Full PDB file with SEQRES, HELIX, SHEET, SSBOND, CRYST1, ORIGX, SCALE, CONECT and MASTER records, all heavy atoms in Angstrom:
SEQRES   1 A   35  LYS HIS GLU ALA SER LEU LYS GLN ALA ASP LYS GLU ARG          
SEQRES   2 A   35  LEU ALA GLU ASP LEU ARG LEU ILE TYR VAL ALA LEU THR          
SEQRES   3 A   35  ARG ALA VAL TYR GLY CYS PHE ILE GLY                          
HELIX    1 AA1 GLU A    3  LEU A   25  1                                  23    
CRYST1    1.000    1.000    1.000  90.00  90.00  90.00 P 1           1          
ORIGX1      1.000000  0.000000  0.000000        0.00000                         
ORIGX2      0.000000  1.000000  0.000000        0.00000                         
ORIGX3      0.000000  0.000000  1.000000        0.00000                         
SCALE1      1.000000  0.000000  0.000000        0.00000                         
SCALE2      0.000000  1.000000  0.000000        0.00000                         
SCALE3      0.000000  0.000000  1.000000        0.00000                         
ATOM      1  N   LYS A   1     163.690 140.024 -87.165  1.00  0.00           N  
ATOM      2  CA  LYS A   1     163.922 139.284 -88.410  1.00  0.00           C  
ATOM      3  C   LYS A   1     165.421 139.128 -88.694  1.00  0.00           C  
ATOM      4  O   LYS A   1     165.915 139.413 -89.784  1.00  0.00           O  
ATOM      5  CB  LYS A   1     163.228 139.962 -89.587  1.00  0.00           C  
ATOM      6  CG  LYS A   1     161.707 139.933 -89.486  1.00  0.00           C  
ATOM      7  CD  LYS A   1     161.048 140.451 -90.761  1.00  0.00           C  
ATOM      8  CE  LYS A   1     159.539 140.329 -90.662  1.00  0.00           C  
ATOM      9  NZ  LYS A   1     158.861 140.782 -91.894  1.00  0.00           N  
ATOM     10  N   HIS A   2     166.117 138.663 -87.684  1.00  0.00           N  
ATOM     11  CA  HIS A   2     167.544 138.394 -87.848  1.00  0.00           C  
ATOM     12  C   HIS A   2     167.741 137.313 -88.910  1.00  0.00           C  
ATOM     13  O   HIS A   2     166.920 136.414 -89.068  1.00  0.00           O  
ATOM     14  CB  HIS A   2     168.137 137.951 -86.504  1.00  0.00           C  
ATOM     15  CG  HIS A   2     169.626 137.906 -86.488  1.00  0.00           C  
ATOM     16  ND1 HIS A   2     170.339 136.781 -86.862  1.00  0.00           N  
ATOM     17  CD2 HIS A   2     170.552 138.845 -86.147  1.00  0.00           C  
ATOM     18  CE1 HIS A   2     171.631 137.022 -86.748  1.00  0.00           C  
ATOM     19  NE2 HIS A   2     171.789 138.268 -86.315  1.00  0.00           N  
ATOM     20  N   GLU A   3     168.811 137.417 -89.641  1.00  0.00           N  
ATOM     21  CA  GLU A   3     169.054 136.501 -90.761  1.00  0.00           C  
ATOM     22  C   GLU A   3     169.049 135.044 -90.322  1.00  0.00           C  
ATOM     23  O   GLU A   3     168.466 134.177 -90.997  1.00  0.00           O  
ATOM     24  CB  GLU A   3     170.393 136.842 -91.431  1.00  0.00           C  
ATOM     25  CG  GLU A   3     170.678 135.975 -92.660  1.00  0.00           C  
ATOM     26  CD  GLU A   3     171.998 136.344 -93.322  1.00  0.00           C  
ATOM     27  OE1 GLU A   3     172.612 137.358 -92.911  1.00  0.00           O  
ATOM     28  OE2 GLU A   3     172.406 135.611 -94.241  1.00  0.00           O  
ATOM     29  N   ALA A   4     169.645 134.759 -89.183  1.00  0.00           N  
ATOM     30  CA  ALA A   4     169.696 133.376 -88.700  1.00  0.00           C  
ATOM     31  C   ALA A   4     168.306 132.871 -88.351  1.00  0.00           C  
ATOM     32  O   ALA A   4     167.960 131.699 -88.599  1.00  0.00           O  
ATOM     33  CB  ALA A   4     170.612 133.287 -87.478  1.00  0.00           C  
ATOM     34  N   SER A   5     167.476 133.764 -87.794  1.00  0.00           N  
ATOM     35  CA  SER A   5     166.104 133.376 -87.443  1.00  0.00           C  
ATOM     36  C   SER A   5     165.281 133.100 -88.687  1.00  0.00           C  
ATOM     37  O   SER A   5     164.517 132.127 -88.751  1.00  0.00           O  
ATOM     38  CB  SER A   5     165.449 134.487 -86.610  1.00  0.00           C  
ATOM     39  OG  SER A   5     166.168 134.719 -85.415  1.00  0.00           O  
ATOM     40  N   LEU A   6     165.405 133.957 -89.701  1.00  0.00           N  
ATOM     41  CA  LEU A   6     164.687 133.744 -90.953  1.00  0.00           C  
ATOM     42  C   LEU A   6     165.133 132.447 -91.631  1.00  0.00           C  
ATOM     43  O   LEU A   6     164.315 131.718 -92.210  1.00  0.00           O  
ATOM     44  CB  LEU A   6     164.902 134.927 -91.899  1.00  0.00           C  
ATOM     45  CG  LEU A   6     164.079 136.186 -91.620  1.00  0.00           C  
ATOM     46  CD1 LEU A   6     164.550 137.340 -92.499  1.00  0.00           C  
ATOM     47  CD2 LEU A   6     162.589 135.927 -91.848  1.00  0.00           C  
ATOM     48  N   LYS A   7     166.414 132.160 -91.530  1.00  0.00           N  
ATOM     49  CA  LYS A   7     166.931 130.940 -92.143  1.00  0.00           C  
ATOM     50  C   LYS A   7     166.361 129.707 -91.454  1.00  0.00           C  
ATOM     51  O   LYS A   7     165.991 128.721 -92.114  1.00  0.00           O  
ATOM     52  CB  LYS A   7     168.462 130.935 -92.045  1.00  0.00           C  
ATOM     53  CG  LYS A   7     169.123 129.797 -92.808  1.00  0.00           C  
ATOM     54  CD  LYS A   7     170.637 129.925 -92.776  1.00  0.00           C  
ATOM     55  CE  LYS A   7     171.308 128.787 -93.554  1.00  0.00           C  
ATOM     56  NZ  LYS A   7     172.777 128.892 -93.539  1.00  0.00           N  
ATOM     57  N   GLN A   8     166.261 129.759 -90.129  1.00  0.00           N  
ATOM     58  CA  GLN A   8     165.693 128.633 -89.388  1.00  0.00           C  
ATOM     59  C   GLN A   8     164.199 128.471 -89.692  1.00  0.00           C  
ATOM     60  O   GLN A   8     163.701 127.350 -89.847  1.00  0.00           O  
ATOM     61  CB  GLN A   8     165.900 128.838 -87.877  1.00  0.00           C  
ATOM     62  CG  GLN A   8     165.347 127.732 -86.997  1.00  0.00           C  
ATOM     63  CD  GLN A   8     166.015 126.386 -87.255  1.00  0.00           C  
ATOM     64  OE1 GLN A   8     167.171 126.339 -87.693  1.00  0.00           O  
ATOM     65  NE2 GLN A   8     165.298 125.304 -87.001  1.00  0.00           N  
ATOM     66  N   ALA A   9     163.497 129.595 -89.800  1.00  0.00           N  
ATOM     67  CA  ALA A   9     162.068 129.546 -90.117  1.00  0.00           C  
ATOM     68  C   ALA A   9     161.850 128.956 -91.508  1.00  0.00           C  
ATOM     69  O   ALA A   9     160.924 128.170 -91.724  1.00  0.00           O  
ATOM     70  CB  ALA A   9     161.461 130.945 -90.031  1.00  0.00           C  
ATOM     71  N   ASP A  10     162.724 129.321 -92.455  1.00  0.00           N  
ATOM     72  CA  ASP A  10     162.579 128.793 -93.812  1.00  0.00           C  
ATOM     73  C   ASP A  10     162.924 127.306 -93.860  1.00  0.00           C  
ATOM     74  O   ASP A  10     162.371 126.556 -94.664  1.00  0.00           O  
ATOM     75  CB  ASP A  10     163.472 129.566 -94.776  1.00  0.00           C  
ATOM     76  CG  ASP A  10     163.108 129.322 -96.225  1.00  0.00           C  
ATOM     77  OD1 ASP A  10     161.968 129.662 -96.610  1.00  0.00           O  
ATOM     78  OD2 ASP A  10     163.939 128.774 -96.969  1.00  0.00           O  
ATOM     79  N   LYS A  11     163.822 126.887 -92.983  1.00  0.00           N  
ATOM     80  CA  LYS A  11     164.148 125.466 -92.907  1.00  0.00           C  
ATOM     81  C   LYS A  11     162.924 124.662 -92.468  1.00  0.00           C  
ATOM     82  O   LYS A  11     162.654 123.575 -92.991  1.00  0.00           O  
ATOM     83  CB  LYS A  11     165.310 125.259 -91.925  1.00  0.00           C  
ATOM     84  CG  LYS A  11     165.787 123.818 -91.816  1.00  0.00           C  
ATOM     85  CD  LYS A  11     166.958 123.706 -90.844  1.00  0.00           C  
ATOM     86  CE  LYS A  11     167.413 122.265 -90.699  1.00  0.00           C  
ATOM     87  NZ  LYS A  11     168.541 122.122 -89.740  1.00  0.00           N  
ATOM     88  N   GLU A  12     162.172 125.215 -91.518  1.00  0.00           N  
ATOM     89  CA  GLU A  12     160.946 124.547 -91.067  1.00  0.00           C  
ATOM     90  C   GLU A  12     159.883 124.585 -92.158  1.00  0.00           C  
ATOM     91  O   GLU A  12     159.105 123.639 -92.321  1.00  0.00           O  
ATOM     92  CB  GLU A  12     160.432 125.195 -89.780  1.00  0.00           C  
ATOM     93  CG  GLU A  12     161.356 125.002 -88.604  1.00  0.00           C  
ATOM     94  CD  GLU A  12     160.782 125.529 -87.299  1.00  0.00           C  
ATOM     95  OE1 GLU A  12     159.616 125.991 -87.303  1.00  0.00           O  
ATOM     96  OE2 GLU A  12     161.489 125.479 -86.277  1.00  0.00           O  
ATOM     97  N   ARG A  13     159.852 125.683 -92.925  1.00  0.00           N  
ATOM     98  CA  ARG A  13     158.916 125.761 -94.052  1.00  0.00           C  
ATOM     99  C   ARG A  13     159.207 124.669 -95.067  1.00  0.00           C  
ATOM    100  O   ARG A  13     158.302 123.995 -95.573  1.00  0.00           O  
ATOM    101  CB  ARG A  13     159.033 127.152 -94.695  1.00  0.00           C  
ATOM    102  CG  ARG A  13     158.034 127.444 -95.824  1.00  0.00           C  
ATOM    103  CD  ARG A  13     158.515 127.002 -97.196  1.00  0.00           C  
ATOM    104  NE  ARG A  13     159.874 127.447 -97.497  1.00  0.00           N  
ATOM    105  CZ  ARG A  13     160.585 126.977 -98.513  1.00  0.00           C  
ATOM    106  NH1 ARG A  13     160.094 126.038 -99.312  1.00  0.00           N  
ATOM    107  NH2 ARG A  13     161.832 127.414 -98.714  1.00  0.00           N  
ATOM    108  N   LEU A  14     160.486 124.457 -95.365  1.00  0.00           N  
ATOM    109  CA  LEU A  14     160.888 123.424 -96.314  1.00  0.00           C  
ATOM    110  C   LEU A  14     160.510 122.039 -95.795  1.00  0.00           C  
ATOM    111  O   LEU A  14     160.061 121.178 -96.568  1.00  0.00           O  
ATOM    112  CB  LEU A  14     162.388 123.508 -96.578  1.00  0.00           C  
ATOM    113  CG  LEU A  14     162.973 122.444 -97.506  1.00  0.00           C  
ATOM    114  CD1 LEU A  14     162.303 122.497 -98.881  1.00  0.00           C  
ATOM    115  CD2 LEU A  14     164.489 122.614 -97.641  1.00  0.00           C  
ATOM    116  N   ALA A  15     160.671 121.816 -94.496  1.00  0.00           N  
ATOM    117  CA  ALA A  15     160.308 120.518 -93.914  1.00  0.00           C  
ATOM    118  C   ALA A  15     158.818 120.234 -94.099  1.00  0.00           C  
ATOM    119  O   ALA A  15     158.422 119.105 -94.434  1.00  0.00           O  
ATOM    120  CB  ALA A  15     160.680 120.493 -92.429  1.00  0.00           C  
ATOM    121  N   GLU A  16     157.995 121.260 -93.912  1.00  0.00           N  
ATOM    122  CA  GLU A  16     156.554 121.088 -94.112  1.00  0.00           C  
ATOM    123  C   GLU A  16     156.242 120.843 -95.582  1.00  0.00           C  
ATOM    124  O   GLU A  16     155.393 120.009 -95.927  1.00  0.00           O  
ATOM    125  CB  GLU A  16     155.813 122.336 -93.614  1.00  0.00           C  
ATOM    126  CG  GLU A  16     154.314 122.348 -93.892  1.00  0.00           C  
ATOM    127  CD  GLU A  16     153.571 121.208 -93.208  1.00  0.00           C  
ATOM    128  OE1 GLU A  16     154.103 120.638 -92.227  1.00  0.00           O  
ATOM    129  OE2 GLU A  16     152.450 120.893 -93.658  1.00  0.00           O  
ATOM    130  N   ASP A  17     156.936 121.554 -96.483  1.00  0.00           N  
ATOM    131  CA  ASP A  17     156.732 121.357 -97.917  1.00  0.00           C  
ATOM    132  C   ASP A  17     157.117 119.937 -98.340  1.00  0.00           C  
ATOM    133  O   ASP A  17     156.488 119.350 -99.225  1.00  0.00           O  
ATOM    134  CB  ASP A  17     157.551 122.375 -98.713  1.00  0.00           C  
ATOM    135  CG  ASP A  17     156.960 123.780 -98.630  1.00  0.00           C  
ATOM    136  OD1 ASP A  17     155.863 123.922 -98.054  1.00  0.00           O  
ATOM    137  OD2 ASP A  17     157.603 124.726 -99.128  1.00  0.00           O  
ATOM    138  N   LEU A  18     158.159 119.382 -97.719  1.00  0.00           N  
ATOM    139  CA  LEU A  18     158.563 118.011 -98.035  1.00  0.00           C  
ATOM    140  C   LEU A  18     157.498 117.009 -97.602  1.00  0.00           C  
ATOM    141  O   LEU A  18     157.253 116.010 -98.296  1.00  0.00           O  
ATOM    142  CB  LEU A  18     159.908 117.691 -97.355  1.00  0.00           C  
ATOM    143  CG  LEU A  18     161.142 118.346 -97.982  1.00  0.00           C  
ATOM    144  CD1 LEU A  18     162.353 118.202 -97.060  1.00  0.00           C  
ATOM    145  CD2 LEU A  18     161.432 117.735 -99.350  1.00  0.00           C  
ATOM    146  N   ARG A  19     156.861 117.268 -96.470  1.00  0.00           N  
ATOM    147  CA  ARG A  19     155.771 116.381 -96.042  1.00  0.00           C  
ATOM    148  C   ARG A  19     154.606 116.461 -97.031  1.00  0.00           C  
ATOM    149  O   ARG A  19     153.984 115.455 -97.365  1.00  0.00           O  
ATOM    150  CB  ARG A  19     155.317 116.756 -94.632  1.00  0.00           C  
ATOM    151  CG  ARG A  19     156.283 116.319 -93.537  1.00  0.00           C  
ATOM    152  CD  ARG A  19     155.704 116.531 -92.159  1.00  0.00           C  
ATOM    153  NE  ARG A  19     155.672 117.941 -91.794  1.00  0.00           N  
ATOM    154  CZ  ARG A  19     156.664 118.566 -91.165  1.00  0.00           C  
ATOM    155  NH1 ARG A  19     157.762 117.894 -90.840  1.00  0.00           N  
ATOM    156  NH2 ARG A  19     156.574 119.838 -90.854  1.00  0.00           N  
ATOM    157  N   LEU A  20     154.321 117.678 -97.506  1.00  0.00           N  
ATOM    158  CA  LEU A  20     153.215 117.861 -98.453  1.00  0.00           C  
ATOM    159  C   LEU A  20     153.524 117.236 -99.809  1.00  0.00           C  
ATOM    160  O   LEU A  20     152.629 116.669-100.455  1.00  0.00           O  
ATOM    161  CB  LEU A  20     152.905 119.351 -98.627  1.00  0.00           C  
ATOM    162  CG  LEU A  20     152.041 119.994 -97.549  1.00  0.00           C  
ATOM    163  CD1 LEU A  20     151.853 121.472 -97.828  1.00  0.00           C  
ATOM    164  CD2 LEU A  20     150.683 119.311 -97.454  1.00  0.00           C  
ATOM    165  N   ILE A  21     154.768 117.331-100.262  1.00  0.00           N  
ATOM    166  CA  ILE A  21     155.098 116.765-101.580  1.00  0.00           C  
ATOM    167  C   ILE A  21     154.985 115.246-101.531  1.00  0.00           C  
ATOM    168  O   ILE A  21     154.620 114.607-102.529  1.00  0.00           O  
ATOM    169  CB  ILE A  21     156.513 117.197-102.042  1.00  0.00           C  
ATOM    170  CG1 ILE A  21     156.652 116.992-103.562  1.00  0.00           C  
ATOM    171  CG2 ILE A  21     157.596 116.439-101.330  1.00  0.00           C  
ATOM    172  CD1 ILE A  21     155.724 117.809-104.394  1.00  0.00           C  
ATOM    173  N   TYR A  22     155.241 114.664-100.376  1.00  0.00           N  
ATOM    174  CA  TYR A  22     155.040 113.214-100.235  1.00  0.00           C  
ATOM    175  C   TYR A  22     153.564 112.875-100.414  1.00  0.00           C  
ATOM    176  O   TYR A  22     153.206 111.907-101.108  1.00  0.00           O  
ATOM    177  CB  TYR A  22     155.528 112.732 -98.867  1.00  0.00           C  
ATOM    178  CG  TYR A  22     155.145 111.303 -98.573  1.00  0.00           C  
ATOM    179  CD1 TYR A  22     155.869 110.248 -99.132  1.00  0.00           C  
ATOM    180  CD2 TYR A  22     154.053 111.009 -97.771  1.00  0.00           C  
ATOM    181  CE1 TYR A  22     155.507 108.923 -98.886  1.00  0.00           C  
ATOM    182  CE2 TYR A  22     153.676 109.693 -97.519  1.00  0.00           C  
ATOM    183  CZ  TYR A  22     154.406 108.660 -98.076  1.00  0.00           C  
ATOM    184  OH  TYR A  22     154.049 107.359 -97.844  1.00  0.00           O  
ATOM    185  N   VAL A  23     152.698 113.685 -99.805  1.00  0.00           N  
ATOM    186  CA  VAL A  23     151.255 113.474 -99.967  1.00  0.00           C  
ATOM    187  C   VAL A  23     150.867 113.600-101.443  1.00  0.00           C  
ATOM    188  O   VAL A  23     150.149 112.762-101.990  1.00  0.00           O  
ATOM    189  CB  VAL A  23     150.454 114.491 -99.119  1.00  0.00           C  
ATOM    190  CG1 VAL A  23     148.962 114.415 -99.441  1.00  0.00           C  
ATOM    191  CG2 VAL A  23     150.687 114.244 -97.640  1.00  0.00           C  
ATOM    192  N   ALA A  24     151.364 114.657-102.099  1.00  0.00           N  
ATOM    193  CA  ALA A  24     150.988 114.915-103.491  1.00  0.00           C  
ATOM    194  C   ALA A  24     151.437 113.794-104.419  1.00  0.00           C  
ATOM    195  O   ALA A  24     150.693 113.367-105.312  1.00  0.00           O  
ATOM    196  CB  ALA A  24     151.581 116.252-103.940  1.00  0.00           C  
ATOM    197  N   LEU A  25     152.649 113.305-104.225  1.00  0.00           N  
ATOM    198  CA  LEU A  25     153.218 112.297-105.131  1.00  0.00           C  
ATOM    199  C   LEU A  25     152.600 110.916-104.951  1.00  0.00           C  
ATOM    200  O   LEU A  25     152.765 110.047-105.805  1.00  0.00           O  
ATOM    201  CB  LEU A  25     154.731 112.211-104.933  1.00  0.00           C  
ATOM    202  CG  LEU A  25     155.546 113.432-105.360  1.00  0.00           C  
ATOM    203  CD1 LEU A  25     156.995 113.291-104.912  1.00  0.00           C  
ATOM    204  CD2 LEU A  25     155.468 113.627-106.868  1.00  0.00           C  
ATOM    205  N   THR A  26     151.896 110.705-103.856  1.00  0.00           N  
ATOM    206  CA  THR A  26     151.339 109.367-103.581  1.00  0.00           C  
ATOM    207  C   THR A  26     149.826 109.325-103.735  1.00  0.00           C  
ATOM    208  O   THR A  26     149.187 108.392-103.259  1.00  0.00           O  
ATOM    209  CB  THR A  26     151.728 108.907-102.162  1.00  0.00           C  
ATOM    210  OG1 THR A  26     151.313 109.908-101.212  1.00  0.00           O  
ATOM    211  CG2 THR A  26     153.216 108.688-102.046  1.00  0.00           C  
ATOM    212  N   ARG A  27     149.222 110.308-104.404  1.00  0.00           N  
ATOM    213  CA  ARG A  27     147.770 110.308-104.593  1.00  0.00           C  
ATOM    214  C   ARG A  27     147.343 109.576-105.852  1.00  0.00           C  
ATOM    215  O   ARG A  27     146.183 109.197-106.000  1.00  0.00           O  
ATOM    216  CB  ARG A  27     147.231 111.745-104.674  1.00  0.00           C  
ATOM    217  CG  ARG A  27     147.392 112.627-103.450  1.00  0.00           C  
ATOM    218  CD  ARG A  27     146.863 111.983-102.189  1.00  0.00           C  
ATOM    219  NE  ARG A  27     147.931 111.286-101.476  1.00  0.00           N  
ATOM    220  CZ  ARG A  27     147.727 110.333-100.593  1.00  0.00           C  
ATOM    221  NH1 ARG A  27     146.503 109.921-100.340  1.00  0.00           N  
ATOM    222  NH2 ARG A  27     148.743 109.757 -99.980  1.00  0.00           N  
ATOM    223  N   ALA A  28     148.266 109.406-106.831  1.00  0.00           N  
ATOM    224  CA  ALA A  28     147.892 108.861-108.139  1.00  0.00           C  
ATOM    225  C   ALA A  28     147.821 107.336-108.115  1.00  0.00           C  
ATOM    226  O   ALA A  28     148.639 106.667-107.477  1.00  0.00           O  
ATOM    227  CB  ALA A  28     148.890 109.316-109.196  1.00  0.00           C  
ATOM    228  N   VAL A  29     146.833 106.795-108.842  1.00  0.00           N  
ATOM    229  CA  VAL A  29     146.719 105.347-109.002  1.00  0.00           C  
ATOM    230  C   VAL A  29     147.500 104.888-110.221  1.00  0.00           C  
ATOM    231  O   VAL A  29     148.274 103.930-110.163  1.00  0.00           O  
ATOM    232  CB  VAL A  29     145.240 104.931-109.126  1.00  0.00           C  
ATOM    233  CG1 VAL A  29     145.125 103.417-109.348  1.00  0.00           C  
ATOM    234  CG2 VAL A  29     144.455 105.344-107.887  1.00  0.00           C  
ATOM    235  N   TYR A  30     147.330 105.582-111.354  1.00  0.00           N  
ATOM    236  CA  TYR A  30     147.937 105.146-112.607  1.00  0.00           C  
ATOM    237  C   TYR A  30     149.049 106.070-113.102  1.00  0.00           C  
ATOM    238  O   TYR A  30     150.017 105.595-113.696  1.00  0.00           O  
ATOM    239  CB  TYR A  30     146.864 105.037-113.695  1.00  0.00           C  
ATOM    240  CG  TYR A  30     145.794 104.036-113.375  1.00  0.00           C  
ATOM    241  CD1 TYR A  30     144.499 104.446-113.093  1.00  0.00           C  
ATOM    242  CD2 TYR A  30     146.083 102.674-113.341  1.00  0.00           C  
ATOM    243  CE1 TYR A  30     143.513 103.521-112.794  1.00  0.00           C  
ATOM    244  CE2 TYR A  30     145.107 101.741-113.039  1.00  0.00           C  
ATOM    245  CZ  TYR A  30     143.817 102.172-112.764  1.00  0.00           C  
ATOM    246  OH  TYR A  30     142.843 101.257-112.459  1.00  0.00           O  
ATOM    247  N   GLY A  31     148.929 107.365-112.911  1.00  0.00           N  
ATOM    248  CA  GLY A  31     149.946 108.253-113.440  1.00  0.00           C  
ATOM    249  C   GLY A  31     149.965 109.592-112.734  1.00  0.00           C  
ATOM    250  O   GLY A  31     148.915 110.133-112.361  1.00  0.00           O  
ATOM    251  N   CYS A  32     151.182 110.123-112.519  1.00  0.00           N  
ATOM    252  CA  CYS A  32     151.358 111.426-111.867  1.00  0.00           C  
ATOM    253  C   CYS A  32     152.202 112.304-112.790  1.00  0.00           C  
ATOM    254  O   CYS A  32     153.315 111.932-113.172  1.00  0.00           O  
ATOM    255  CB  CYS A  32     152.045 111.260-110.513  1.00  0.00           C  
ATOM    256  SG  CYS A  32     152.276 112.797-109.613  1.00  0.00           S  
ATOM    257  N   PHE A  33     151.660 113.462-113.154  1.00  0.00           N  
ATOM    258  CA  PHE A  33     152.337 114.371-114.086  1.00  0.00           C  
ATOM    259  C   PHE A  33     152.834 115.592-113.318  1.00  0.00           C  
ATOM    260  O   PHE A  33     152.037 116.310-112.695  1.00  0.00           O  
ATOM    261  CB  PHE A  33     151.369 114.800-115.193  1.00  0.00           C  
ATOM    262  CG  PHE A  33     150.874 113.643-116.026  1.00  0.00           C  
ATOM    263  CD1 PHE A  33     149.841 112.836-115.575  1.00  0.00           C  
ATOM    264  CD2 PHE A  33     151.457 113.360-117.250  1.00  0.00           C  
ATOM    265  CE1 PHE A  33     149.380 111.767-116.336  1.00  0.00           C  
ATOM    266  CE2 PHE A  33     151.006 112.289-118.018  1.00  0.00           C  
ATOM    267  CZ  PHE A  33     149.967 111.489-117.557  1.00  0.00           C  
ATOM    268  N   ILE A  34     154.148 115.836-113.376  1.00  0.00           N  
ATOM    269  CA  ILE A  34     154.770 116.901-112.593  1.00  0.00           C  
ATOM    270  C   ILE A  34     155.275 117.988-113.538  1.00  0.00           C  
ATOM    271  O   ILE A  34     156.040 117.710-114.465  1.00  0.00           O  
ATOM    272  CB  ILE A  34     155.944 116.358-111.754  1.00  0.00           C  
ATOM    273  CG1 ILE A  34     155.468 115.214-110.849  1.00  0.00           C  
ATOM    274  CG2 ILE A  34     156.579 117.465-110.928  1.00  0.00           C  
ATOM    275  CD1 ILE A  34     156.592 114.439-110.214  1.00  0.00           C  
ATOM    276  N   GLY A  35     154.835 119.205-113.298  1.00  0.00           N  
ATOM    277  CA  GLY A  35     155.334 120.330-114.083  1.00  0.00           C  
ATOM    278  C   GLY A  35     156.655 120.819-113.521  1.00  0.00           C  
ATOM    279  O   GLY A  35     156.755 121.149-112.345  1.00  0.00           O  
TER     280      GLY A  35                                                      
MASTER        0    0    0    1    0    0    0    6  279    1    0    3          
END                                                                             
């Protein structure tokens, strides 16, 4: 669990989260409410 390795793994986690947020934001027909 070297710091550089954890940082790279978290970067990939963020990339996956960005793909998911695109899915979430494009599901609404009339309105999308974000907390």
